[in-house]
N, C-alpha and C. Protein backbone atom coordinates (compact mmCIF):
# COMPACT_ATOMS: atom_id res chain seq x y z
N MET A 1 10.35 -22.22 -19.81
CA MET A 1 10.66 -20.85 -19.47
C MET A 1 9.36 -20.07 -19.33
N THR A 2 9.25 -19.30 -18.26
CA THR A 2 8.06 -18.50 -18.04
C THR A 2 8.10 -17.22 -18.86
N ILE A 3 6.95 -16.72 -19.21
CA ILE A 3 6.85 -15.46 -19.95
C ILE A 3 7.15 -14.28 -19.04
N PHE A 4 6.66 -14.34 -17.81
CA PHE A 4 6.73 -13.19 -16.91
C PHE A 4 8.01 -13.18 -16.09
N GLN A 5 8.45 -11.98 -15.74
CA GLN A 5 9.71 -11.82 -15.01
C GLN A 5 9.52 -11.06 -13.70
N GLY A 6 8.33 -11.03 -13.17
CA GLY A 6 8.06 -10.32 -11.92
C GLY A 6 7.02 -9.24 -12.10
N ILE A 7 6.72 -8.57 -11.03
CA ILE A 7 5.73 -7.49 -11.05
C ILE A 7 6.45 -6.16 -11.16
N ASN A 8 6.05 -5.37 -12.13
CA ASN A 8 6.62 -4.05 -12.32
C ASN A 8 5.95 -3.05 -11.38
N VAL A 9 4.63 -2.99 -11.41
CA VAL A 9 3.89 -2.02 -10.62
C VAL A 9 2.47 -2.52 -10.39
N VAL A 10 1.92 -2.17 -9.25
CA VAL A 10 0.51 -2.41 -8.95
C VAL A 10 -0.12 -1.04 -8.80
N SER A 11 -1.22 -0.83 -9.49
CA SER A 11 -1.84 0.49 -9.53
C SER A 11 -3.19 0.49 -8.83
N ILE A 12 -3.43 1.53 -8.03
CA ILE A 12 -4.73 1.70 -7.39
C ILE A 12 -5.22 3.12 -7.68
N CYS A 13 -6.54 3.27 -7.72
CA CYS A 13 -7.15 4.57 -8.01
C CYS A 13 -7.40 5.35 -6.73
N VAL A 14 -7.16 6.65 -6.81
CA VAL A 14 -7.41 7.55 -5.68
C VAL A 14 -8.18 8.76 -6.21
N ALA A 15 -8.99 9.35 -5.35
CA ALA A 15 -9.81 10.49 -5.76
C ALA A 15 -9.01 11.78 -5.85
N GLU A 16 -7.96 11.91 -5.05
CA GLU A 16 -7.22 13.17 -4.97
C GLU A 16 -5.72 12.87 -4.93
N LEU A 17 -5.02 13.17 -6.02
CA LEU A 17 -3.60 12.84 -6.13
C LEU A 17 -2.74 13.56 -5.10
N ASP A 18 -2.99 14.84 -4.85
CA ASP A 18 -2.16 15.58 -3.89
C ASP A 18 -2.27 14.99 -2.49
N GLU A 19 -3.49 14.69 -2.06
CA GLU A 19 -3.67 14.08 -0.74
C GLU A 19 -3.03 12.69 -0.69
N ALA A 20 -3.19 11.92 -1.77
CA ALA A 20 -2.61 10.58 -1.84
C ALA A 20 -1.09 10.65 -1.78
N ARG A 21 -0.50 11.60 -2.50
CA ARG A 21 0.96 11.76 -2.49
C ARG A 21 1.46 11.95 -1.06
N GLY A 22 0.81 12.82 -0.31
CA GLY A 22 1.20 13.07 1.07
C GLY A 22 1.05 11.84 1.96
N PHE A 23 -0.05 11.13 1.81
CA PHE A 23 -0.29 9.94 2.63
C PHE A 23 0.76 8.86 2.37
N TYR A 24 0.96 8.52 1.12
CA TYR A 24 1.89 7.45 0.78
C TYR A 24 3.35 7.86 1.03
N ARG A 25 3.67 9.12 0.78
CA ARG A 25 5.04 9.61 0.98
C ARG A 25 5.36 9.77 2.46
N ASP A 26 4.48 10.45 3.22
CA ASP A 26 4.78 10.84 4.59
C ASP A 26 4.24 9.88 5.64
N ILE A 27 2.99 9.50 5.55
CA ILE A 27 2.38 8.64 6.56
C ILE A 27 2.89 7.21 6.43
N LEU A 28 2.91 6.68 5.20
CA LEU A 28 3.41 5.32 5.00
C LEU A 28 4.93 5.29 4.82
N GLU A 29 5.55 6.46 4.76
CA GLU A 29 7.00 6.63 4.66
C GLU A 29 7.62 5.91 3.46
N LEU A 30 6.96 6.00 2.31
CA LEU A 30 7.52 5.43 1.09
C LEU A 30 8.52 6.38 0.44
N GLY A 31 8.64 7.59 0.97
CA GLY A 31 9.61 8.55 0.44
C GLY A 31 9.09 9.26 -0.79
N ALA A 32 9.98 9.98 -1.43
CA ALA A 32 9.61 10.75 -2.62
C ALA A 32 9.17 9.81 -3.74
N PRO A 33 8.17 10.21 -4.51
CA PRO A 33 7.76 9.38 -5.64
C PRO A 33 8.91 9.21 -6.64
N ILE A 34 8.97 8.05 -7.27
CA ILE A 34 9.98 7.86 -8.31
C ILE A 34 9.48 8.40 -9.64
N HIS A 35 8.16 8.51 -9.79
CA HIS A 35 7.53 9.18 -10.94
C HIS A 35 6.38 10.00 -10.38
N ASP A 36 6.37 11.27 -10.68
CA ASP A 36 5.32 12.16 -10.17
C ASP A 36 4.78 12.96 -11.35
N LEU A 37 3.73 12.44 -11.96
CA LEU A 37 3.17 13.02 -13.17
C LEU A 37 1.69 13.32 -12.97
N PRO A 38 1.37 14.30 -12.12
CA PRO A 38 -0.05 14.58 -11.86
C PRO A 38 -0.82 14.98 -13.12
N GLU A 39 -0.14 15.61 -14.07
CA GLU A 39 -0.82 15.99 -15.31
C GLU A 39 -1.28 14.76 -16.09
N ALA A 40 -0.62 13.64 -15.88
CA ALA A 40 -1.01 12.38 -16.51
C ALA A 40 -1.86 11.53 -15.58
N GLY A 41 -2.10 12.01 -14.34
CA GLY A 41 -2.88 11.25 -13.37
C GLY A 41 -2.13 10.06 -12.81
N TRP A 42 -0.79 10.19 -12.59
CA TRP A 42 0.04 9.05 -12.22
C TRP A 42 1.12 9.47 -11.23
N ILE A 43 1.20 8.81 -10.10
CA ILE A 43 2.29 8.98 -9.14
C ILE A 43 2.74 7.58 -8.76
N GLU A 44 4.05 7.33 -8.80
CA GLU A 44 4.55 5.98 -8.52
C GLU A 44 5.60 6.01 -7.42
N PHE A 45 5.46 5.09 -6.48
CA PHE A 45 6.37 4.97 -5.34
C PHE A 45 7.06 3.61 -5.37
N SER A 46 8.28 3.57 -4.87
CA SER A 46 8.95 2.31 -4.64
C SER A 46 8.39 1.70 -3.36
N ALA A 47 8.22 0.40 -3.37
CA ALA A 47 7.76 -0.30 -2.17
C ALA A 47 8.93 -0.92 -1.42
N GLY A 48 10.16 -0.47 -1.73
CA GLY A 48 11.33 -0.93 -1.00
C GLY A 48 12.08 -2.06 -1.66
N ALA A 49 11.73 -2.41 -2.88
CA ALA A 49 12.43 -3.47 -3.60
C ALA A 49 12.74 -2.98 -5.02
N GLN A 50 13.48 -3.76 -5.77
CA GLN A 50 13.84 -3.34 -7.12
C GLN A 50 12.66 -3.35 -8.06
N ALA A 51 11.63 -4.10 -7.77
CA ALA A 51 10.43 -4.17 -8.60
C ALA A 51 9.22 -4.23 -7.69
N GLY A 52 8.05 -4.11 -8.29
CA GLY A 52 6.82 -4.19 -7.50
C GLY A 52 6.43 -2.85 -6.91
N ASN A 53 6.54 -1.79 -7.69
CA ASN A 53 6.19 -0.45 -7.21
C ASN A 53 4.69 -0.29 -7.03
N ILE A 54 4.31 0.79 -6.35
CA ILE A 54 2.91 1.14 -6.14
C ILE A 54 2.63 2.41 -6.93
N ALA A 55 1.64 2.35 -7.80
CA ALA A 55 1.24 3.52 -8.57
C ALA A 55 -0.13 3.99 -8.10
N LEU A 56 -0.28 5.29 -8.01
CA LEU A 56 -1.55 5.91 -7.69
C LEU A 56 -2.04 6.59 -8.96
N THR A 57 -3.24 6.27 -9.37
CA THR A 57 -3.81 6.88 -10.57
C THR A 57 -5.08 7.62 -10.21
N ARG A 58 -5.34 8.68 -10.95
CA ARG A 58 -6.52 9.51 -10.70
C ARG A 58 -7.77 8.70 -11.02
N ALA A 59 -8.66 8.59 -10.03
CA ALA A 59 -9.91 7.84 -10.20
C ALA A 59 -10.88 8.63 -11.07
N GLU A 60 -11.66 7.91 -11.81
CA GLU A 60 -12.72 8.55 -12.59
C GLU A 60 -13.85 8.95 -11.66
N ALA A 61 -14.61 9.95 -12.05
CA ALA A 61 -15.74 10.42 -11.25
C ALA A 61 -16.68 9.25 -10.97
N GLY A 62 -17.11 9.14 -9.71
CA GLY A 62 -18.05 8.11 -9.32
C GLY A 62 -17.44 6.76 -9.01
N SER A 63 -16.12 6.64 -9.12
CA SER A 63 -15.50 5.34 -8.82
C SER A 63 -15.50 5.11 -7.31
N ARG A 64 -15.40 3.84 -6.94
CA ARG A 64 -15.39 3.46 -5.53
C ARG A 64 -14.03 2.87 -5.18
N PRO A 65 -13.64 2.94 -3.91
CA PRO A 65 -12.35 2.37 -3.49
C PRO A 65 -12.26 0.90 -3.82
N GLY A 66 -11.03 0.45 -4.07
CA GLY A 66 -10.81 -0.93 -4.47
C GLY A 66 -10.68 -1.91 -3.32
N PHE A 67 -11.31 -3.07 -3.47
CA PHE A 67 -11.17 -4.17 -2.51
C PHE A 67 -10.85 -5.47 -3.23
N GLY A 68 -10.88 -5.48 -4.55
CA GLY A 68 -10.65 -6.72 -5.29
C GLY A 68 -9.19 -7.09 -5.34
N THR A 69 -8.33 -6.13 -5.59
CA THR A 69 -6.89 -6.35 -5.62
C THR A 69 -6.31 -5.71 -4.37
N THR A 70 -5.48 -6.43 -3.66
CA THR A 70 -4.92 -5.91 -2.43
C THR A 70 -3.41 -5.87 -2.52
N ILE A 71 -2.83 -4.71 -2.28
CA ILE A 71 -1.39 -4.57 -2.20
C ILE A 71 -0.97 -5.03 -0.80
N VAL A 72 -0.04 -5.98 -0.73
CA VAL A 72 0.44 -6.50 0.55
C VAL A 72 1.91 -6.13 0.68
N LEU A 73 2.21 -5.35 1.72
CA LEU A 73 3.57 -4.86 1.96
C LEU A 73 4.23 -5.66 3.08
N ASN A 74 5.50 -5.97 2.91
CA ASN A 74 6.26 -6.67 3.95
C ASN A 74 6.66 -5.70 5.05
N VAL A 75 6.56 -6.13 6.29
CA VAL A 75 7.04 -5.37 7.45
C VAL A 75 7.80 -6.34 8.36
N ALA A 76 8.66 -5.81 9.20
CA ALA A 76 9.42 -6.66 10.12
C ALA A 76 8.53 -7.25 11.21
N ASP A 77 7.58 -6.43 11.72
CA ASP A 77 6.72 -6.85 12.83
C ASP A 77 5.35 -6.24 12.59
N CYS A 78 4.41 -7.06 12.19
CA CYS A 78 3.08 -6.57 11.82
C CYS A 78 2.37 -5.86 12.98
N ARG A 79 2.45 -6.41 14.16
CA ARG A 79 1.77 -5.78 15.30
C ARG A 79 2.36 -4.40 15.60
N MET A 80 3.67 -4.27 15.53
CA MET A 80 4.32 -2.99 15.75
C MET A 80 3.93 -2.00 14.66
N ALA A 81 3.86 -2.47 13.42
CA ALA A 81 3.48 -1.59 12.31
C ALA A 81 2.04 -1.10 12.48
N VAL A 82 1.15 -1.96 12.96
CA VAL A 82 -0.24 -1.53 13.23
C VAL A 82 -0.23 -0.40 14.26
N MET A 83 0.53 -0.56 15.33
CA MET A 83 0.60 0.49 16.36
C MET A 83 1.16 1.80 15.78
N GLN A 84 2.20 1.70 14.97
CA GLN A 84 2.81 2.89 14.39
C GLN A 84 1.84 3.61 13.46
N LEU A 85 1.14 2.86 12.61
CA LEU A 85 0.20 3.49 11.69
C LEU A 85 -1.00 4.08 12.42
N ARG A 86 -1.50 3.38 13.43
CA ARG A 86 -2.61 3.93 14.21
C ARG A 86 -2.21 5.24 14.89
N ALA A 87 -0.97 5.33 15.36
CA ALA A 87 -0.49 6.56 15.99
C ALA A 87 -0.45 7.71 14.99
N ARG A 88 -0.39 7.39 13.71
CA ARG A 88 -0.39 8.41 12.65
C ARG A 88 -1.79 8.68 12.12
N GLY A 89 -2.79 8.05 12.75
CA GLY A 89 -4.17 8.28 12.36
C GLY A 89 -4.68 7.39 11.24
N VAL A 90 -3.95 6.34 10.92
CA VAL A 90 -4.35 5.43 9.86
C VAL A 90 -5.30 4.38 10.42
N ARG A 91 -6.41 4.14 9.74
CA ARG A 91 -7.35 3.10 10.14
C ARG A 91 -6.71 1.74 9.84
N CYS A 92 -6.56 0.92 10.88
CA CYS A 92 -5.95 -0.41 10.76
C CYS A 92 -6.83 -1.43 11.45
N ASP A 93 -6.97 -2.59 10.84
CA ASP A 93 -7.59 -3.72 11.50
C ASP A 93 -6.56 -4.36 12.43
N ASP A 94 -7.01 -5.15 13.38
CA ASP A 94 -6.09 -5.87 14.26
C ASP A 94 -5.30 -6.90 13.46
N ALA A 95 -4.07 -7.14 13.88
CA ALA A 95 -3.23 -8.16 13.25
C ALA A 95 -3.79 -9.54 13.56
N GLN A 96 -3.66 -10.44 12.58
CA GLN A 96 -4.12 -11.82 12.73
C GLN A 96 -2.95 -12.74 12.43
N ASP A 97 -2.89 -13.83 13.19
CA ASP A 97 -1.84 -14.83 12.99
C ASP A 97 -2.39 -16.05 12.27
N PHE A 98 -1.61 -16.56 11.34
CA PHE A 98 -1.77 -17.90 10.82
C PHE A 98 -0.51 -18.62 11.28
N PRO A 99 -0.59 -19.32 12.44
CA PRO A 99 0.59 -19.91 13.07
C PRO A 99 1.46 -20.68 12.08
N GLY A 100 2.75 -20.40 12.17
CA GLY A 100 3.71 -21.06 11.32
C GLY A 100 3.76 -20.52 9.90
N PHE A 101 2.94 -19.53 9.59
CA PHE A 101 2.89 -19.03 8.21
C PHE A 101 3.09 -17.52 8.15
N VAL A 102 2.12 -16.75 8.66
CA VAL A 102 2.17 -15.29 8.49
C VAL A 102 1.32 -14.59 9.54
N THR A 103 1.70 -13.36 9.85
CA THR A 103 0.86 -12.43 10.61
C THR A 103 0.54 -11.30 9.65
N PHE A 104 -0.74 -10.93 9.56
CA PHE A 104 -1.12 -9.88 8.62
C PHE A 104 -2.18 -8.96 9.22
N ALA A 105 -2.29 -7.77 8.64
CA ALA A 105 -3.34 -6.82 9.04
C ALA A 105 -3.69 -5.97 7.84
N SER A 106 -4.95 -5.65 7.72
CA SER A 106 -5.41 -4.71 6.70
C SER A 106 -5.35 -3.30 7.23
N PHE A 107 -5.08 -2.35 6.35
CA PHE A 107 -5.17 -0.93 6.69
C PHE A 107 -5.68 -0.20 5.47
N TYR A 108 -6.05 1.07 5.63
CA TYR A 108 -6.82 1.77 4.60
C TYR A 108 -6.24 3.15 4.34
N ASP A 109 -6.18 3.50 3.07
CA ASP A 109 -5.74 4.86 2.72
C ASP A 109 -6.90 5.83 2.91
N PRO A 110 -6.69 7.13 2.76
CA PRO A 110 -7.75 8.10 3.01
C PRO A 110 -8.96 7.96 2.09
N PHE A 111 -8.83 7.18 1.03
CA PHE A 111 -9.90 7.03 0.05
C PHE A 111 -10.67 5.72 0.23
N GLY A 112 -10.25 4.92 1.21
CA GLY A 112 -10.92 3.66 1.50
C GLY A 112 -10.31 2.46 0.82
N ASN A 113 -9.21 2.63 0.07
CA ASN A 113 -8.54 1.47 -0.52
C ASN A 113 -7.93 0.62 0.58
N ARG A 114 -8.19 -0.69 0.50
CA ARG A 114 -7.62 -1.61 1.49
C ARG A 114 -6.23 -2.04 1.02
N LEU A 115 -5.27 -1.93 1.92
CA LEU A 115 -3.93 -2.47 1.73
C LEU A 115 -3.70 -3.44 2.88
N GLN A 116 -2.67 -4.25 2.77
CA GLN A 116 -2.31 -5.13 3.88
C GLN A 116 -0.82 -5.09 4.11
N MET A 117 -0.43 -5.52 5.30
CA MET A 117 0.98 -5.70 5.64
C MET A 117 1.12 -7.07 6.26
N CYS A 118 2.31 -7.63 6.11
CA CYS A 118 2.51 -8.96 6.70
C CYS A 118 3.94 -9.11 7.17
N SER A 119 4.10 -9.99 8.15
CA SER A 119 5.42 -10.34 8.69
C SER A 119 5.38 -11.83 9.02
N PRO A 120 6.54 -12.41 9.26
CA PRO A 120 6.54 -13.83 9.64
C PRO A 120 5.71 -14.04 10.91
N ALA A 121 5.05 -15.17 10.96
CA ALA A 121 4.26 -15.51 12.14
C ALA A 121 5.19 -15.84 13.31
N PRO A 122 4.74 -15.55 14.52
CA PRO A 122 5.56 -15.95 15.67
C PRO A 122 5.68 -17.48 15.72
N THR A 123 6.81 -17.92 16.22
CA THR A 123 7.04 -19.38 16.28
C THR A 123 6.50 -19.95 17.57
């Protein structure tokens, strides 16, 4: 029997909670936060599943955007999602295929945090 039962939340640091709330809520269309506690430096969004939420925490002064841990979100069509996010002004890398496995693309929040999205690879 395994100790762990899934991922509860993945947390990334942002420099400005109000700006981050708007980006993740409106631009990425994650909807209203399920926990919005700016006084505690914490805003949490559902990523569309029962578990595996995304939390935004207030970054400490002088911190740099994260590249070590990457949040990867599922999308129906990665190339279409890249086009949609670019139309909203989001910096996105081009989608890449790993034939028979996955199509993925990196994109970036206003603070430089790298996120990714993926969809099934074309057959």
